[in-house]
């Protein structure tokens, strides 16, 4: 069974009657591609382990994008105590990641 992630095809909308958004997960192959690896190689798995990126419990090759983003922010030191005091916009977070 393969999972295909297409960011353009995903539209999250919370209806007033259903405020819970669907859970989105990403396959290891798609995550590796997004992170510019050729696939789920041993180098990709080692890199994920070093950063603390783990698959969803009970699912061998399925990852939570929220956890991945959190671990990448921690690796780039974007979650320092000074940064946690003030909420930052998504644009500001992207600028911090890019070093702008």
Protein backbone atom coordinates (compact mmCIF):
# COMPACT_ATOMS: atom_id res chain seq x y z
CA UNK A 1 0.00 0.00 0.00
CA UNK A 2 1.45 3.36 -0.97
CA UNK A 3 0.42 6.83 0.09
CA UNK A 4 0.81 9.75 -2.28
CA UNK A 5 1.10 13.28 -0.91
CA UNK A 6 0.01 16.10 -3.18
CA UNK A 7 0.03 19.46 -1.31
CA UNK A 8 -2.03 21.14 -4.03
CA UNK A 9 -4.77 18.51 -3.77
CA UNK A 10 -5.19 18.89 -0.02
CA UNK A 11 -7.68 21.49 1.10
CA UNK A 12 -8.29 21.75 4.82
CA UNK A 13 -11.58 23.30 5.75
CA UNK A 14 -13.20 23.21 9.13
CA UNK A 15 -16.97 23.29 8.85
CA UNK A 16 -18.86 24.77 11.81
CA UNK A 17 -20.52 21.39 12.33
CA UNK A 18 -17.17 19.55 12.18
CA UNK A 19 -14.33 21.60 13.69
CA UNK A 20 -11.91 18.66 13.71
CA UNK A 21 -9.67 18.60 10.66
CA UNK A 22 -8.61 15.28 9.16
CA UNK A 23 -5.26 13.94 10.33
CA UNK A 24 -2.64 14.13 7.61
CA UNK A 25 0.30 11.79 7.51
CA UNK A 26 3.08 11.44 4.96
CA UNK A 27 4.86 8.36 3.68
CA UNK A 28 8.59 7.89 4.08
CA UNK A 29 9.12 8.04 0.31
CA UNK A 30 7.30 11.37 0.05
CA UNK A 31 9.13 12.79 3.06
CA UNK A 32 12.47 11.68 1.65
CA UNK A 33 11.64 13.31 -1.68
CA UNK A 34 10.60 16.56 0.02
CA UNK A 35 13.91 16.55 1.92
CA UNK A 36 15.84 15.96 -1.33
CA UNK A 37 16.84 12.35 -0.67
CA UNK A 38 16.62 9.82 -3.49
CA UNK A 39 14.33 7.64 -1.39
CA UNK A 40 14.05 6.03 2.00
CA UNK A 41 17.69 5.03 2.07
CA UNK A 42 19.80 4.21 5.09
CA UNK A 43 21.20 7.76 4.94
CA UNK A 44 17.67 9.18 5.15
CA UNK A 45 16.75 6.90 8.07
CA UNK A 46 19.98 7.77 9.91
CA UNK A 47 19.32 11.49 9.41
CA UNK A 48 15.77 11.09 10.75
CA UNK A 49 17.05 9.18 13.78
CA UNK A 50 19.69 11.83 14.47
CA UNK A 51 17.01 14.55 14.47
CA UNK A 52 14.51 12.53 16.48
CA UNK A 53 12.06 12.13 13.60
CA UNK A 54 10.26 8.85 14.17
CA UNK A 55 7.46 7.08 12.31
CA UNK A 56 3.96 7.05 13.71
CA UNK A 57 3.75 4.26 16.33
CA UNK A 58 2.52 1.07 14.73
CA UNK A 59 3.13 2.38 11.20
CA UNK A 60 6.59 1.55 9.89
CA UNK A 61 7.00 4.12 7.14
CA UNK A 62 4.38 6.80 7.92
CA UNK A 63 5.40 10.15 9.45
CA UNK A 64 3.58 13.02 11.11
CA UNK A 65 4.41 16.30 9.27
CA UNK A 66 3.84 18.31 12.47
CA UNK A 67 6.53 16.30 14.29
CA UNK A 68 8.87 16.65 11.31
CA UNK A 69 8.44 20.45 11.28
CA UNK A 70 8.95 20.61 15.05
CA UNK A 71 12.17 18.58 14.87
CA UNK A 72 13.49 20.67 11.97
CA UNK A 73 12.77 23.87 13.92
CA UNK A 74 14.58 22.46 16.94
CA UNK A 75 17.56 21.49 14.78
CA UNK A 76 17.69 25.05 13.42
CA UNK A 77 17.29 26.45 16.95
CA UNK A 78 14.08 28.27 16.09
CA UNK A 79 12.37 27.25 19.34
CA UNK A 80 14.60 29.11 21.78
CA UNK A 81 13.02 30.49 24.99
CA UNK A 82 13.20 34.03 23.60
CA UNK A 83 11.26 32.95 20.52
CA UNK A 84 8.62 31.09 22.54
CA UNK A 85 7.62 34.21 24.49
CA UNK A 86 6.13 35.90 21.44
CA UNK A 87 3.89 34.24 18.87
CA UNK A 88 5.38 34.65 15.42
CA UNK A 89 3.56 34.66 12.13
CA UNK A 90 4.07 31.91 9.58
CA UNK A 91 5.92 34.39 7.38
CA UNK A 92 8.30 35.26 10.22
CA UNK A 93 8.90 31.58 10.94
CA UNK A 94 9.77 30.97 7.28
CA UNK A 95 12.16 33.93 7.30
CA UNK A 96 13.89 32.55 10.39
CA UNK A 97 14.27 29.14 8.74
CA UNK A 98 15.70 30.71 5.59
CA UNK A 99 18.01 33.02 7.53
CA UNK A 100 16.47 36.21 6.16
